[in-house]
Amino acid sequence: MRRLLLVPIIHDEADMGSLGAALARCSAELSGESRWARHQRTVGQFWTSIEAFLSTLDPDKLKVNQDGLAAGGEMGKRIVQEAARRGSRNYQAVLKLLGQGADIRQTEDAQLLLDERRSILSFLRQESSQEGQPETPSHADQLLEQRDQFIARTIGETLRVGEMGVLFIGAHHNLQPHLPVDITVVAVKDRRQVSDYVTELFQGRDDARLQELAAYLASPADAQA
């Protein structure tokens, strides 16, 4: 049997490299300053709960896959170290696991990540200038689907029988339909609730619902198959 722990994540500024500051400014404008300030606290609480859960695992037996990581081995570890130095709670959690004996594995296709970077840059230019033709949702959805297929195929090819993997991945991804049937997926947090939180943050106006979802994110992680 093969087992995969799924950690649905919310990206922060430090995760996004050179695009981080611009994305953070755009996100604050979309959500509103008050909501964005509360969101920063929620993200911190979310990662505290995830780190508490990860501390209960045996890192020696873990094979780590990371959203946005197109390299494994020593190169992958250097990328993780750099992102952790920038302040990414996600990458700090991964680096701690690696320091305790976990292995880091290539997760993504570099070309697909470059395509997404171009897509994000195009979006940011349109937001700042209000010019140009906006990217169609179908293109973004297609790119997300292609990434999901690649990640699922990579995990299927590299996770061996008897191994446990842990995948840190953005909450809007949906890998399960693409994973081999013999991989048991165990969610550390419910992907839909994390995704709903992000949607409500940027597109909704129901503060009570946002607070409810934020409380779920901050609650102790409890992995369930």
C-alpha atoms as a PDB file:
ATOM      1  CA  MET A   1       0.000   0.000   0.000  1.00  0.00           C
ATOM      2  CA  ARG A   2       1.097   3.565  -0.698  1.00  0.00           C
ATOM      3  CA  ARG A   3      -0.052   6.475   1.462  1.00  0.00           C
ATOM      4  CA  LEU A   4      -0.070  10.185   0.642  1.00  0.00           C
ATOM      5  CA  LEU A   5      -0.683  12.915   3.205  1.00  0.00           C
ATOM      6  CA  LEU A   6      -2.286  15.895   1.493  1.00  0.00           C
ATOM      7  CA  VAL A   7      -1.659  19.348   2.979  1.00  0.00           C
ATOM      8  CA  PRO A   8      -3.808  21.928   1.125  1.00  0.00           C
ATOM      9  CA  ILE A   9      -2.017  25.243   1.488  1.00  0.00           C
ATOM     10  CA  ILE A  10      -2.596  28.962   1.132  1.00  0.00           C
ATOM     11  CA  HIS A  11       0.320  30.668  -0.609  1.00  0.00           C
ATOM     12  CA  ASP A  12       1.827  33.744   0.995  1.00  0.00           C
ATOM     13  CA  GLU A  13       4.095  36.480  -0.332  1.00  0.00           C
ATOM     14  CA  ALA A  14       7.301  34.630   0.525  1.00  0.00           C
ATOM     15  CA  ASP A  15       6.196  31.569  -1.487  1.00  0.00           C
ATOM     16  CA  MET A  16       5.936  33.530  -4.715  1.00  0.00           C
ATOM     17  CA  GLY A  17       9.502  34.756  -5.121  1.00  0.00           C
ATOM     18  CA  SER A  18       9.906  37.930  -7.180  1.00  0.00           C
ATOM     19  CA  LEU A  19       6.154  38.080  -7.822  1.00  0.00           C
ATOM     20  CA  GLY A  20       5.322  38.022  -4.115  1.00  0.00           C
ATOM     21  CA  ALA A  21       5.198  41.745  -3.337  1.00  0.00           C
ATOM     22  CA  ALA A  22       3.054  42.602  -6.371  1.00  0.00           C
ATOM     23  CA  LEU A  23       0.680  39.720  -5.672  1.00  0.00           C
ATOM     24  CA  ALA A  24       0.370  40.759  -2.024  1.00  0.00           C
ATOM     25  CA  ARG A  25      -0.541  44.325  -3.020  1.00  0.00           C
ATOM     26  CA  CYS A  26      -3.102  43.082  -5.518  1.00  0.00           C
ATOM     27  CA  SER A  27      -4.531  40.628  -2.965  1.00  0.00           C
ATOM     28  CA  ALA A  28      -4.892  43.354  -0.336  1.00  0.00           C
ATOM     29  CA  GLU A  29      -6.765  45.519  -2.835  1.00  0.00           C
ATOM     30  CA  LEU A  30      -9.093  42.681  -3.837  1.00  0.00           C
ATOM     31  CA  SER A  31      -9.935  41.581  -0.303  1.00  0.00           C
ATOM     32  CA  GLY A  32      -9.837  44.965   1.444  1.00  0.00           C
ATOM     33  CA  GLU A  33      -7.282  46.085   4.017  1.00  0.00           C
ATOM     34  CA  SER A  34      -9.234  44.897   7.066  1.00  0.00           C
ATOM     35  CA  ARG A  35      -9.870  41.430   5.670  1.00  0.00           C
ATOM     36  CA  TRP A  36      -6.283  41.172   4.473  1.00  0.00           C
ATOM     37  CA  ALA A  37      -4.926  42.005   7.931  1.00  0.00           C
ATOM     38  CA  ARG A  38      -7.131  39.303   9.489  1.00  0.00           C
ATOM     39  CA  HIS A  39      -6.014  36.926   6.765  1.00  0.00           C
ATOM     40  CA  GLN A  40      -2.356  37.378   7.721  1.00  0.00           C
ATOM     41  CA  ARG A  41      -3.167  36.287  11.271  1.00  0.00           C
ATOM     42  CA  THR A  42      -5.214  33.347   9.996  1.00  0.00           C
ATOM     43  CA  VAL A  43      -2.380  32.105   7.792  1.00  0.00           C
ATOM     44  CA  GLY A  44       0.003  32.198  10.751  1.00  0.00           C
ATOM     45  CA  GLN A  45      -2.426  30.170  12.864  1.00  0.00           C
ATOM     46  CA  PHE A  46      -2.983  27.743   9.991  1.00  0.00           C
ATOM     47  CA  TRP A  47       0.720  26.968   9.705  1.00  0.00           C
ATOM     48  CA  THR A  48       1.060  26.600  13.459  1.00  0.00           C
ATOM     49  CA  SER A  49      -1.609  23.871  13.337  1.00  0.00           C
ATOM     50  CA  ILE A  50       0.076  22.169  10.369  1.00  0.00           C
ATOM     51  CA  GLU A  51       3.493  22.255  12.044  1.00  0.00           C
ATOM     52  CA  ALA A  52       2.014  20.715  15.201  1.00  0.00           C
ATOM     53  CA  PHE A  53       0.623  17.847  13.130  1.00  0.00           C
ATOM     54  CA  LEU A  54       3.872  17.321  11.226  1.00  0.00           C
ATOM     55  CA  SER A  55       5.763  17.070  14.511  1.00  0.00           C
ATOM     56  CA  THR A  56       3.871  13.826  15.238  1.00  0.00           C
ATOM     57  CA  LEU A  57       5.236  12.077  12.125  1.00  0.00           C
ATOM     58  CA  ASP A  58       8.425  10.070  11.619  1.00  0.00           C
ATOM     59  CA  PRO A  59      10.378  12.220   9.107  1.00  0.00           C
ATOM     60  CA  ASP A  60      12.757   9.365   8.241  1.00  0.00           C
ATOM     61  CA  LYS A  61       9.911   7.661   6.388  1.00  0.00           C
ATOM     62  CA  LEU A  62       8.529  10.713   4.584  1.00  0.00           C
ATOM     63  CA  LYS A  63       8.871  11.541   0.888  1.00  0.00           C
ATOM     64  CA  VAL A  64       8.054  15.227   0.428  1.00  0.00           C
ATOM     65  CA  ASN A  65       6.439  16.767  -2.648  1.00  0.00           C
ATOM     66  CA  GLN A  66       5.957  20.525  -2.855  1.00  0.00           C
ATOM     67  CA  ASP A  67       3.723  22.714  -5.013  1.00  0.00           C
ATOM     68  CA  GLY A  68       5.932  24.761  -7.356  1.00  0.00           C
ATOM     69  CA  LEU A  69       9.063  22.633  -6.939  1.00  0.00           C
ATOM     70  CA  ALA A  70      10.520  21.397 -10.230  1.00  0.00           C
ATOM     71  CA  ALA A  71      13.657  19.816  -8.727  1.00  0.00           C
ATOM     72  CA  GLY A  72      14.468  17.184  -6.144  1.00  0.00           C
ATOM     73  CA  GLY A  73      17.608  16.080  -4.333  1.00  0.00           C
ATOM     74  CA  GLU A  74      20.248  18.680  -3.467  1.00  0.00           C
ATOM     75  CA  MET A  75      18.948  21.264  -5.922  1.00  0.00           C
ATOM     76  CA  GLY A  76      15.446  20.895  -4.525  1.00  0.00           C
ATOM     77  CA  LYS A  77      16.794  21.288  -1.009  1.00  0.00           C
ATOM     78  CA  ARG A  78      18.614  24.517  -1.953  1.00  0.00           C
ATOM     79  CA  ILE A  79      15.382  25.934  -3.378  1.00  0.00           C
ATOM     80  CA  VAL A  80      13.571  25.024  -0.165  1.00  0.00           C
ATOM     81  CA  GLN A  81      16.315  26.652   1.932  1.00  0.00           C
ATOM     82  CA  GLU A  82      16.125  29.898  -0.049  1.00  0.00           C
ATOM     83  CA  ALA A  83      12.331  30.117   0.235  1.00  0.00           C
ATOM     84  CA  ALA A  84      12.547  29.346   3.948  1.00  0.00           C
ATOM     85  CA  ARG A  85      15.057  32.203   4.372  1.00  0.00           C
ATOM     86  CA  ARG A  86      12.573  34.543   2.679  1.00  0.00           C
ATOM     87  CA  GLY A  87      10.135  33.736   5.469  1.00  0.00           C
ATOM     88  CA  SER A  88       7.815  31.168   3.864  1.00  0.00           C
ATOM     89  CA  ARG A  89       6.098  29.175   6.608  1.00  0.00           C
ATOM     90  CA  ASN A  90       5.393  26.445   4.054  1.00  0.00           C
ATOM     91  CA  TYR A  91       9.040  26.036   3.103  1.00  0.00           C
ATOM     92  CA  GLN A  92      10.179  26.390   6.704  1.00  0.00           C
ATOM     93  CA  ALA A  93       7.960  23.415   7.570  1.00  0.00           C
ATOM     94  CA  VAL A  94       9.399  21.433   4.653  1.00  0.00           C
ATOM     95  CA  LEU A  95      12.980  22.363   5.593  1.00  0.00           C
ATOM     96  CA  LYS A  96      12.419  21.147   9.134  1.00  0.00           C
ATOM     97  CA  LEU A  97      11.241  17.780   7.802  1.00  0.00           C
ATOM     98  CA  LEU A  98      14.296  17.542   5.542  1.00  0.00           C
ATOM     99  CA  GLY A  99      16.564  18.335   8.470  1.00  0.00           C
ATOM    100  CA  GLN A 100      15.021  15.420  10.342  1.00  0.00           C
ATOM    101  CA  GLY A 101      15.587  12.912   7.561  1.00  0.00           C
ATOM    102  CA  ALA A 102      12.756  13.308   5.040  1.00  0.00           C
ATOM    103  CA  ASP A 103      13.489  13.234   1.299  1.00  0.00           C
ATOM    104  CA  ILE A 104      12.478  16.015  -1.108  1.00  0.00           C
ATOM    105  CA  ARG A 105      11.280  14.995  -4.572  1.00  0.00           C
ATOM    106  CA  GLN A 106      10.653  16.773  -7.839  1.00  0.00           C
ATOM    107  CA  THR A 107       6.959  17.581  -8.062  1.00  0.00           C
ATOM    108  CA  GLU A 108       6.284  19.932 -10.976  1.00  0.00           C
ATOM    109  CA  ASP A 109       7.119  20.402 -14.651  1.00  0.00           C
ATOM    110  CA  ALA A 110       9.354  23.445 -15.157  1.00  0.00           C
ATOM    111  CA  GLN A 111       7.677  24.479 -18.418  1.00  0.00           C
ATOM    112  CA  LEU A 112       4.205  24.456 -16.866  1.00  0.00           C
ATOM    113  CA  LEU A 113       5.498  26.615 -14.021  1.00  0.00           C
ATOM    114  CA  LEU A 114       6.949  29.089 -16.530  1.00  0.00           C
ATOM    115  CA  ASP A 115       3.594  29.177 -18.313  1.00  0.00           C
ATOM    116  CA  GLU A 116       1.878  29.958 -15.020  1.00  0.00           C
ATOM    117  CA  ARG A 117       4.400  32.676 -14.205  1.00  0.00           C
ATOM    118  CA  ARG A 118       3.674  34.331 -17.553  1.00  0.00           C
ATOM    119  CA  SER A 119      -0.042  34.052 -16.811  1.00  0.00           C
ATOM    120  CA  ILE A 120       0.388  35.734 -13.417  1.00  0.00           C
ATOM    121  CA  LEU A 121       2.528  38.518 -14.904  1.00  0.00           C
ATOM    122  CA  SER A 122      -0.123  39.134 -17.546  1.00  0.00           C
ATOM    123  CA  PHE A 123      -2.804  39.337 -14.853  1.00  0.00           C
ATOM    124  CA  LEU A 124      -0.764  41.791 -12.773  1.00  0.00           C
ATOM    125  CA  ARG A 125      -0.133  44.029 -15.782  1.00  0.00           C
ATOM    126  CA  GLN A 126      -3.837  44.090 -16.604  1.00  0.00           C
ATOM    127  CA  GLU A 127      -4.734  44.878 -12.997  1.00  0.00           C
ATOM    128  CA  SER A 128      -2.280  47.781 -12.847  1.00  0.00           C
ATOM    129  CA  SER A 129      -3.070  49.263 -16.262  1.00  0.00           C
ATOM    130  CA  GLN A 130      -6.674  48.150 -16.772  1.00  0.00           C
ATOM    131  CA  GLU A 131      -5.663  47.518 -20.364  1.00  0.00           C
ATOM    132  CA  GLY A 132      -5.483  44.509 -22.597  1.00  0.00           C
ATOM    133  CA  GLN A 133      -7.607  41.417 -22.965  1.00  0.00           C
ATOM    134  CA  PRO A 134      -7.998  39.509 -19.688  1.00  0.00           C
ATOM    135  CA  GLU A 135      -6.949  35.896 -19.663  1.00  0.00           C
ATOM    136  CA  THR A 136      -9.907  33.575 -20.012  1.00  0.00           C
ATOM    137  CA  PRO A 137     -10.767  31.411 -16.988  1.00  0.00           C
ATOM    138  CA  SER A 138     -10.664  28.355 -19.249  1.00  0.00           C
ATOM    139  CA  HIS A 139      -6.944  28.927 -19.945  1.00  0.00           C
ATOM    140  CA  ALA A 140      -6.114  29.184 -16.237  1.00  0.00           C
ATOM    141  CA  ASP A 141      -8.237  26.110 -15.507  1.00  0.00           C
ATOM    142  CA  GLN A 142      -6.525  24.186 -18.294  1.00  0.00           C
ATOM    143  CA  LEU A 143      -3.093  25.077 -16.935  1.00  0.00           C
ATOM    144  CA  LEU A 144      -4.126  24.001 -13.430  1.00  0.00           C
ATOM    145  CA  GLU A 145      -5.433  20.709 -14.807  1.00  0.00           C
ATOM    146  CA  GLN A 146      -2.186  20.069 -16.678  1.00  0.00           C
ATOM    147  CA  ARG A 147      -0.180  20.685 -13.527  1.00  0.00           C
ATOM    148  CA  ASP A 148      -2.453  18.365 -11.535  1.00  0.00           C
ATOM    149  CA  GLN A 149      -1.995  15.604 -14.084  1.00  0.00           C
ATOM    150  CA  PHE A 150       1.787  15.993 -14.079  1.00  0.00           C
ATOM    151  CA  ILE A 151       2.048  16.059 -10.278  1.00  0.00           C
ATOM    152  CA  ALA A 152      -0.204  13.008  -9.899  1.00  0.00           C
ATOM    153  CA  ARG A 153       1.739  11.094 -12.541  1.00  0.00           C
ATOM    154  CA  THR A 154       5.065  12.001 -10.906  1.00  0.00           C
ATOM    155  CA  ILE A 155       3.902  10.861  -7.475  1.00  0.00           C
ATOM    156  CA  GLY A 156       2.486   7.674  -8.980  1.00  0.00           C
ATOM    157  CA  GLU A 157       5.855   6.909 -10.586  1.00  0.00           C
ATOM    158  CA  THR A 158       8.069   7.741  -7.581  1.00  0.00           C
ATOM    159  CA  LEU A 159       6.126   6.754  -4.445  1.00  0.00           C
ATOM    160  CA  ARG A 160       6.927   3.119  -3.786  1.00  0.00           C
ATOM    161  CA  VAL A 161       4.893   0.450  -2.037  1.00  0.00           C
ATOM    162  CA  GLY A 162       5.255   0.842   1.725  1.00  0.00           C
ATOM    163  CA  GLU A 163       6.288   4.505   1.500  1.00  0.00           C
ATOM    164  CA  MET A 164       4.449   7.531   2.850  1.00  0.00           C
ATOM    165  CA  GLY A 165       4.442  10.767   0.899  1.00  0.00           C
ATOM    166  CA  VAL A 166       3.401  14.236   1.998  1.00  0.00           C
ATOM    167  CA  LEU A 167       2.238  16.739  -0.597  1.00  0.00           C
ATOM    168  CA  PHE A 168       2.022  20.474   0.126  1.00  0.00           C
ATOM    169  CA  ILE A 169      -0.242  21.879  -2.579  1.00  0.00           C
ATOM    170  CA  GLY A 170      -2.438  24.895  -3.240  1.00  0.00           C
ATOM    171  CA  ALA A 171      -6.023  24.322  -2.139  1.00  0.00           C
ATOM    172  CA  HIS A 172      -7.479  24.918  -5.618  1.00  0.00           C
ATOM    173  CA  HIS A 173      -5.643  21.884  -6.984  1.00  0.00           C
ATOM    174  CA  ASN A 174      -7.559  18.599  -7.217  1.00  0.00           C
ATOM    175  CA  LEU A 175      -5.159  15.712  -7.755  1.00  0.00           C
ATOM    176  CA  GLN A 176      -7.193  12.779  -6.504  1.00  0.00           C
ATOM    177  CA  PRO A 177      -8.963  11.958  -9.799  1.00  0.00           C
ATOM    178  CA  HIS A 178      -5.534  11.584 -11.430  1.00  0.00           C
ATOM    179  CA  LEU A 179      -3.715   9.537  -8.774  1.00  0.00           C
ATOM    180  CA  PRO A 180      -3.269   5.752  -9.059  1.00  0.00           C
ATOM    181  CA  VAL A 181      -6.029   3.890  -7.211  1.00  0.00           C
ATOM    182  CA  ASP A 182      -3.570   2.094  -4.920  1.00  0.00           C
ATOM    183  CA  ILE A 183      -2.467   5.372  -3.306  1.00  0.00           C
ATOM    184  CA  THR A 184      -4.477   6.114  -0.172  1.00  0.00           C
ATOM    185  CA  VAL A 185      -4.911   9.882   0.192  1.00  0.00           C
ATOM    186  CA  VAL A 186      -5.151  11.239   3.725  1.00  0.00           C
ATOM    187  CA  ALA A 187      -6.207  14.899   4.026  1.00  0.00           C
ATOM    188  CA  VAL A 188      -4.510  16.869   6.802  1.00  0.00           C
ATOM    189  CA  LYS A 189      -7.064  19.654   6.234  1.00  0.00           C
ATOM    190  CA  ASP A 190     -10.210  19.513   4.122  1.00  0.00           C
ATOM    191  CA  ARG A 191      -9.250  20.872   0.706  1.00  0.00           C
ATOM    192  CA  ARG A 192     -12.689  22.267  -0.066  1.00  0.00           C
ATOM    193  CA  GLN A 193     -12.886  24.273   3.139  1.00  0.00           C
ATOM    194  CA  VAL A 194      -9.440  25.754   2.560  1.00  0.00           C
ATOM    195  CA  SER A 195     -10.386  26.563  -1.039  1.00  0.00           C
ATOM    196  CA  ASP A 196     -13.714  28.054   0.088  1.00  0.00           C
ATOM    197  CA  TYR A 197     -11.819  30.297   2.502  1.00  0.00           C
ATOM    198  CA  VAL A 198      -9.668  31.693  -0.313  1.00  0.00           C
ATOM    199  CA  THR A 199     -12.720  32.229  -2.529  1.00  0.00           C
ATOM    200  CA  GLU A 200     -14.634  34.008   0.234  1.00  0.00           C
ATOM    201  CA  LEU A 201     -11.598  36.150   1.077  1.00  0.00           C
ATOM    202  CA  PHE A 202     -11.298  37.559  -2.430  1.00  0.00           C
ATOM    203  CA  GLN A 203     -14.774  37.263  -3.914  1.00  0.00           C
ATOM    204  CA  GLY A 204     -17.262  37.124  -1.041  1.00  0.00           C
ATOM    205  CA  ARG A 205     -18.697  39.650   1.376  1.00  0.00           C
ATOM    206  CA  ASP A 206     -19.951  37.300   4.097  1.00  0.00           C
ATOM    207  CA  ASP A 207     -17.735  38.135   7.071  1.00  0.00           C
ATOM    208  CA  ALA A 208     -19.418  35.553   9.298  1.00  0.00           C
ATOM    209  CA  ARG A 209     -18.655  32.807   6.779  1.00  0.00           C
ATOM    210  CA  LEU A 210     -15.079  34.021   6.419  1.00  0.00           C
ATOM    211  CA  GLN A 211     -14.653  33.947  10.190  1.00  0.00           C
ATOM    212  CA  GLU A 212     -16.092  30.422  10.338  1.00  0.00           C
ATOM    213  CA  LEU A 213     -13.675  29.178   7.694  1.00  0.00           C
ATOM    214  CA  ALA A 214     -10.761  31.013   9.332  1.00  0.00           C
ATOM    215  CA  ALA A 215     -11.547  29.225  12.602  1.00  0.00           C
ATOM    216  CA  TYR A 216     -11.396  25.896  10.765  1.00  0.00           C
ATOM    217  CA  LEU A 217      -8.012  26.754   9.276  1.00  0.00           C
ATOM    218  CA  ALA A 218      -6.649  27.640  12.708  1.00  0.00           C
ATOM    219  CA  SER A 219      -8.041  24.502  14.388  1.00  0.00           C
ATOM    220  CA  PRO A 220      -5.784  21.504  15.108  1.00  0.00           C
ATOM    221  CA  ALA A 221      -5.006  19.438  12.010  1.00  0.00           C
ATOM    222  CA  ASP A 222      -6.505  15.954  12.126  1.00  0.00           C
ATOM    223  CA  ALA A 223      -5.561  13.748   9.194  1.00  0.00           C
ATOM    224  CA  GLN A 224      -8.387  11.530   8.007  1.00  0.00           C
ATOM    225  CA  ALA A 225      -8.609   9.207   5.019  1.00  0.00           C
END
